[in-house]
Each structure stands twice: as structure tokens, then as C-alpha cells.
PDB file of N, CA and C in Angstrom:
ATOM      1  N   MET A   1       7.528  12.256 -10.222  1.00  0.00           N
ATOM      2  CA  MET A   1       6.672  11.326  -9.496  1.00  0.00           C
ATOM      3  C   MET A   1       5.239  11.517  -9.968  1.00  0.00           C
ATOM      4  N   GLU A   2       4.595  10.396 -10.251  1.00  0.00           N
ATOM      5  CA  GLU A   2       3.232  10.515 -10.731  1.00  0.00           C
ATOM      6  C   GLU A   2       2.268  10.790  -9.574  1.00  0.00           C
ATOM      7  N   THR A   3       1.180  11.435  -9.894  1.00  0.00           N
ATOM      8  CA  THR A   3       0.191  11.751  -8.871  1.00  0.00           C
ATOM      9  C   THR A   3      -0.574  10.498  -8.483  1.00  0.00           C
ATOM     10  N   LEU A   4      -1.254  10.582  -7.371  1.00  0.00           N
ATOM     11  CA  LEU A   4      -2.061   9.451  -6.916  1.00  0.00           C
ATOM     12  C   LEU A   4      -3.113   9.084  -7.963  1.00  0.00           C
ATOM     13  N   LYS A   5      -3.731  10.097  -8.543  1.00  0.00           N
ATOM     14  CA  LYS A   5      -4.749   9.858  -9.571  1.00  0.00           C
ATOM     15  C   LYS A   5      -4.142   9.133 -10.776  1.00  0.00           C
ATOM     16  N   GLN A   6      -2.968   9.575 -11.215  1.00  0.00           N
ATOM     17  CA  GLN A   6      -2.309   8.932 -12.353  1.00  0.00           C
ATOM     18  C   GLN A   6      -1.971   7.478 -12.039  1.00  0.00           C
ATOM     19  N   GLU A   7      -1.481   7.252 -10.828  1.00  0.00           N
ATOM     20  CA  GLU A   7      -1.136   5.888 -10.420  1.00  0.00           C
ATOM     21  C   GLU A   7      -2.380   5.008 -10.370  1.00  0.00           C
ATOM     22  N   ALA A   8      -3.482   5.528  -9.835  1.00  0.00           N
ATOM     23  CA  ALA A   8      -4.729   4.767  -9.756  1.00  0.00           C
ATOM     24  C   ALA A   8      -5.241   4.426 -11.150  1.00  0.00           C
ATOM     25  N   ILE A   9      -5.210   5.387 -12.048  1.00  0.00           N
ATOM     26  CA  ILE A   9      -5.668   5.157 -13.421  1.00  0.00           C
ATOM     27  C   ILE A   9      -4.814   4.091 -14.099  1.00  0.00           C
ATOM     28  N   LYS A  10      -3.506   4.153 -13.890  1.00  0.00           N
ATOM     29  CA  LYS A  10      -2.599   3.173 -14.489  1.00  0.00           C
ATOM     30  C   LYS A  10      -2.894   1.768 -13.964  1.00  0.00           C
ATOM     31  N   VAL A  11      -3.091   1.655 -12.649  1.00  0.00           N
ATOM     32  CA  VAL A  11      -3.374   0.344 -12.056  1.00  0.00           C
ATOM     33  C   VAL A  11      -4.707  -0.196 -12.554  1.00  0.00           C
ATOM     34  N   ILE A  12      -5.733   0.636 -12.551  1.00  0.00           N
ATOM     35  CA  ILE A  12      -7.053   0.192 -13.004  1.00  0.00           C
ATOM     36  C   ILE A  12      -7.018  -0.186 -14.481  1.00  0.00           C
ATOM     37  N   SER A  13      -6.304   0.571 -15.273  1.00  0.00           N
ATOM     38  CA  SER A  13      -6.215   0.282 -16.710  1.00  0.00           C
ATOM     39  C   SER A  13      -5.539  -1.050 -16.990  1.00  0.00           C
ATOM     40  N   ALA A  14      -4.651  -1.471 -16.101  1.00  0.00           N
ATOM     41  CA  ALA A  14      -3.927  -2.726 -16.304  1.00  0.00           C
ATOM     42  C   ALA A  14      -4.763  -3.946 -15.910  1.00  0.00           C
ATOM     43  N   LEU A  15      -5.873  -3.725 -15.235  1.00  0.00           N
ATOM     44  CA  LEU A  15      -6.720  -4.841 -14.812  1.00  0.00           C
ATOM     45  C   LEU A  15      -7.539  -5.365 -15.995  1.00  0.00           C
ATOM     46  N   PRO A  16      -7.951  -6.637 -15.922  1.00  0.00           N
ATOM     47  CA  PRO A  16      -8.771  -7.187 -17.014  1.00  0.00           C
ATOM     48  C   PRO A  16     -10.127  -6.486 -17.098  1.00  0.00           C
ATOM     49  N   GLU A  17     -10.741  -6.535 -18.250  1.00  0.00           N
ATOM     50  CA  GLU A  17     -12.018  -5.868 -18.484  1.00  0.00           C
ATOM     51  C   GLU A  17     -13.135  -6.393 -17.582  1.00  0.00           C
ATOM     52  N   ASP A  18     -13.052  -7.643 -17.193  1.00  0.00           N
ATOM     53  CA  ASP A  18     -14.122  -8.228 -16.382  1.00  0.00           C
ATOM     54  C   ASP A  18     -13.857  -8.162 -14.873  1.00  0.00           C
ATOM     55  N   VAL A  19     -12.945  -7.284 -14.464  1.00  0.00           N
ATOM     56  CA  VAL A  19     -12.609  -7.138 -13.046  1.00  0.00           C
ATOM     57  C   VAL A  19     -13.825  -6.635 -12.261  1.00  0.00           C
ATOM     58  N   ASP A  20     -13.950  -7.104 -11.034  1.00  0.00           N
ATOM     59  CA  ASP A  20     -15.071  -6.634 -10.224  1.00  0.00           C
ATOM     60  C   ASP A  20     -14.621  -5.476  -9.320  1.00  0.00           C
ATOM     61  N   MET A  21     -15.597  -4.803  -8.740  1.00  0.00           N
ATOM     62  CA  MET A  21     -15.330  -3.620  -7.929  1.00  0.00           C
ATOM     63  C   MET A  21     -14.458  -3.961  -6.721  1.00  0.00           C
ATOM     64  N   GLU A  22     -14.653  -5.136  -6.159  1.00  0.00           N
ATOM     65  CA  GLU A  22     -13.872  -5.543  -4.995  1.00  0.00           C
ATOM     66  C   GLU A  22     -12.376  -5.583  -5.315  1.00  0.00           C
ATOM     67  N   GLU A  23     -12.034  -6.125  -6.462  1.00  0.00           N
ATOM     68  CA  GLU A  23     -10.621  -6.203  -6.866  1.00  0.00           C
ATOM     69  C   GLU A  23     -10.050  -4.808  -7.127  1.00  0.00           C
ATOM     70  N   ILE A  24     -10.828  -3.940  -7.750  1.00  0.00           N
ATOM     71  CA  ILE A  24     -10.383  -2.568  -7.996  1.00  0.00           C
ATOM     72  C   ILE A  24     -10.106  -1.870  -6.666  1.00  0.00           C
ATOM     73  N   MET A  25     -11.036  -2.012  -5.745  1.00  0.00           N
ATOM     74  CA  MET A  25     -10.886  -1.364  -4.443  1.00  0.00           C
ATOM     75  C   MET A  25      -9.683  -1.926  -3.689  1.00  0.00           C
ATOM     76  N   TYR A  26      -9.456  -3.231  -3.790  1.00  0.00           N
ATOM     77  CA  TYR A  26      -8.307  -3.845  -3.125  1.00  0.00           C
ATOM     78  C   TYR A  26      -6.994  -3.290  -3.688  1.00  0.00           C
ATOM     79  N   LYS A  27      -6.903  -3.198  -4.995  1.00  0.00           N
ATOM     80  CA  LYS A  27      -5.680  -2.672  -5.614  1.00  0.00           C
ATOM     81  C   LYS A  27      -5.418  -1.236  -5.156  1.00  0.00           C
ATOM     82  N   LEU A  28      -6.464  -0.420  -5.107  1.00  0.00           N
ATOM     83  CA  LEU A  28      -6.308   0.963  -4.657  1.00  0.00           C
ATOM     84  C   LEU A  28      -5.947   1.027  -3.177  1.00  0.00           C
ATOM     85  N   TYR A  29      -6.494   0.118  -2.379  1.00  0.00           N
ATOM     86  CA  TYR A  29      -6.162   0.030  -0.961  1.00  0.00           C
ATOM     87  C   TYR A  29      -4.675  -0.265  -0.780  1.00  0.00           C
ATOM     88  N   VAL A  30      -4.154  -1.205  -1.564  1.00  0.00           N
ATOM     89  CA  VAL A  30      -2.742  -1.567  -1.472  1.00  0.00           C
ATOM     90  C   VAL A  30      -1.867  -0.369  -1.835  1.00  0.00           C
ATOM     91  N   ILE A  31      -2.223   0.340  -2.889  1.00  0.00           N
ATOM     92  CA  ILE A  31      -1.463   1.533  -3.277  1.00  0.00           C
ATOM     93  C   ILE A  31      -1.429   2.524  -2.120  1.00  0.00           C
ATOM     94  N   ASP A  32      -2.571   2.746  -1.488  1.00  0.00           N
ATOM     95  CA  ASP A  32      -2.654   3.681  -0.367  1.00  0.00           C
ATOM     96  C   ASP A  32      -1.744   3.245   0.774  1.00  0.00           C
ATOM     97  N   LYS A  33      -1.770   1.970   1.137  1.00  0.00           N
ATOM     98  CA  LYS A  33      -0.951   1.477   2.246  1.00  0.00           C
ATOM     99  C   LYS A  33       0.535   1.572   1.927  1.00  0.00           C
ATOM    100  N   VAL A  34       0.920   1.264   0.699  1.00  0.00           N
ATOM    101  CA  VAL A  34       2.331   1.362   0.308  1.00  0.00           C
ATOM    102  C   VAL A  34       2.791   2.814   0.380  1.00  0.00           C
ATOM    103  N   ARG A  35       1.998   3.731  -0.150  1.00  0.00           N
ATOM    104  CA  ARG A  35       2.358   5.154  -0.099  1.00  0.00           C
ATOM    105  C   ARG A  35       2.498   5.637   1.341  1.00  0.00           C
ATOM    106  N   LYS A  36       1.569   5.240   2.208  1.00  0.00           N
ATOM    107  CA  LYS A  36       1.639   5.644   3.612  1.00  0.00           C
ATOM    108  C   LYS A  36       2.870   5.050   4.289  1.00  0.00           C
ATOM    109  N   GLY A  37       3.202   3.817   3.948  1.00  0.00           N
ATOM    110  CA  GLY A  37       4.398   3.183   4.492  1.00  0.00           C
ATOM    111  C   GLY A  37       5.670   3.888   4.052  1.00  0.00           C
ATOM    112  N   GLU A  38       5.733   4.256   2.783  1.00  0.00           N
ATOM    113  CA  GLU A  38       6.895   4.978   2.267  1.00  0.00           C
ATOM    114  C   GLU A  38       7.038   6.334   2.963  1.00  0.00           C
ATOM    115  N   LYS A  39       5.914   7.013   3.185  1.00  0.00           N
ATOM    116  CA  LYS A  39       5.942   8.307   3.863  1.00  0.00           C
ATOM    117  C   LYS A  39       6.422   8.149   5.305  1.00  0.00           C
ATOM    118  N   ALA A  40       5.942   7.114   5.976  1.00  0.00           N
ATOM    119  CA  ALA A  40       6.349   6.864   7.361  1.00  0.00           C
ATOM    120  C   ALA A  40       7.852   6.609   7.443  1.00  0.00           C
ATOM    121  N   ILE A  41       8.380   5.852   6.490  1.00  0.00           N
ATOM    122  CA  ILE A  41       9.822   5.581   6.468  1.00  0.00           C
ATOM    123  C   ILE A  41      10.600   6.877   6.274  1.00  0.00           C
ATOM    124  N   GLU A  42      10.148   7.714   5.343  1.00  0.00           N
ATOM    125  CA  GLU A  42      10.812   9.002   5.103  1.00  0.00           C
ATOM    126  C   GLU A  42      10.815   9.872   6.349  1.00  0.00           C
ATOM    127  N   GLU A  43       9.751   9.754   7.161  1.00  0.00           N
ATOM    128  CA  GLU A  43       9.630  10.551   8.378  1.00  0.00           C
ATOM    129  C   GLU A  43      10.314   9.890   9.575  1.00  0.00           C
ATOM    130  N   GLY A  44      10.962   8.754   9.339  1.00  0.00           N
ATOM    131  CA  GLY A  44      11.678   8.074  10.401  1.00  0.00           C
ATOM    132  C   GLY A  44      10.790   7.276  11.336  1.00  0.00           C
ATOM    133  N   LYS A  45       9.557   7.049  10.934  1.00  0.00           N
ATOM    134  CA  LYS A  45       8.606   6.289  11.756  1.00  0.00           C
ATOM    135  C   LYS A  45       8.707   4.814  11.393  1.00  0.00           C
ATOM    136  N   LYS A  46       9.685   4.163  11.971  1.00  0.00           N
ATOM    137  CA  LYS A  46       9.873   2.745  11.689  1.00  0.00           C
ATOM    138  C   LYS A  46      10.392   2.065  12.941  1.00  0.00           C
ATOM    139  N   ILE A  47      10.311   0.726  12.959  1.00  0.00           N
ATOM    140  CA  ILE A  47      10.823  -0.039  14.080  1.00  0.00           C
ATOM    141  C   ILE A  47      11.795  -1.081  13.555  1.00  0.00           C
ATOM    142  N   SER A  48      12.653  -1.554  14.441  1.00  0.00           N
ATOM    143  CA  SER A  48      13.640  -2.562  14.045  1.00  0.00           C
ATOM    144  C   SER A  48      12.972  -3.942  13.964  1.00  0.00           C
ATOM    145  N   ILE A  49      13.676  -4.867  13.368  1.00  0.00           N
ATOM    146  CA  ILE A  49      13.198  -6.245  13.271  1.00  0.00           C
ATOM    147  C   ILE A  49      13.021  -6.824  14.671  1.00  0.00           C
ATOM    148  N   GLU A  50      13.951  -6.517  15.560  1.00  0.00           N
ATOM    149  CA  GLU A  50      13.870  -7.025  16.925  1.00  0.00           C
ATOM    150  C   GLU A  50      12.605  -6.518  17.620  1.00  0.00           C
ATOM    151  N   GLU A  51      12.300  -5.227  17.442  1.00  0.00           N
ATOM    152  CA  GLU A  51      11.092  -4.667  18.033  1.00  0.00           C
ATOM    153  C   GLU A  51       9.839  -5.327  17.449  1.00  0.00           C
ATOM    154  N   LEU A  52       9.861  -5.571  16.155  1.00  0.00           N
ATOM    155  CA  LEU A  52       8.732  -6.217  15.502  1.00  0.00           C
ATOM    156  C   LEU A  52       8.528  -7.632  16.024  1.00  0.00           C
ATOM    157  N   LYS A  53       9.616  -8.365  16.182  1.00  0.00           N
ATOM    158  CA  LYS A  53       9.526  -9.737  16.702  1.00  0.00           C
ATOM    159  C   LYS A  53       8.915  -9.739  18.101  1.00  0.00           C
ATOM    160  N   LYS A  54       9.330  -8.793  18.949  1.00  0.00           N
ATOM    161  CA  LYS A  54       8.775  -8.698  20.300  1.00  0.00           C
ATOM    162  C   LYS A  54       7.283  -8.396  20.247  1.00  0.00           C
ATOM    163  N   GLU A  55       6.912  -7.502  19.357  1.00  0.00           N
ATOM    164  CA  GLU A  55       5.496  -7.131  19.221  1.00  0.00           C
ATOM    165  C   GLU A  55       4.664  -8.315  18.753  1.00  0.00           C
ATOM    166  N   VAL A  56       5.142  -9.021  17.746  1.00  0.00           N
ATOM    167  CA  VAL A  56       4.419 -10.170  17.217  1.00  0.00           C
ATOM    168  C   VAL A  56       4.340 -11.277  18.273  1.00  0.00           C
ATOM    169  N   ALA A  57       5.399 -11.464  19.031  1.00  0.00           N
ATOM    170  CA  ALA A  57       5.400 -12.509  20.067  1.00  0.00           C
ATOM    171  C   ALA A  57       4.357 -12.227  21.144  1.00  0.00           C
ATOM    172  N   SER A  58       4.029 -10.962  21.353  1.00  0.00           N
ATOM    173  CA  SER A  58       3.042 -10.607  22.382  1.00  0.00           C
ATOM    174  C   SER A  58       1.602 -10.861  21.933  1.00  0.00           C
ATOM    175  N   TRP A  59       1.394 -11.178  20.671  1.00  0.00           N
ATOM    176  CA  TRP A  59       0.048 -11.442  20.173  1.00  0.00           C
ATOM    177  C   TRP A  59      -0.358 -12.770  20.668  1.00  0.00           C
TER     178      TRP A  59
END
């Protein structure tokens, strides 16, 4: 498994040369959220579709 730094470098390197800081930060933000989501799933911190539907309906 690659380190967070390696993954960030790979993602940034794949972006076009004229990319702005906002896009770089967004890509890194997405990586962070995906990693945290994967960790939560591994730890059993998840909800069912039915629970999610109830939560969304309450908004």
C-alpha cells in the first residue's frame, strides 16, 4: 500500500501543468475523505441504506 505522501504526489503529478491551487487542494481533500471512509468501513462504522434513507428524509 502506498503512503499518503506517495498517493498525493501521484495525484498532483497527474494534474495539468496549469492547475490552480484550489483544484490541487480539492483533489487532496477527496483522497483524505476516501481514506477516512475506507477506515471507517474497516472499523465497522457504517449504516444501512435504510438508515441512510431515514436520515436523509429528516433533512
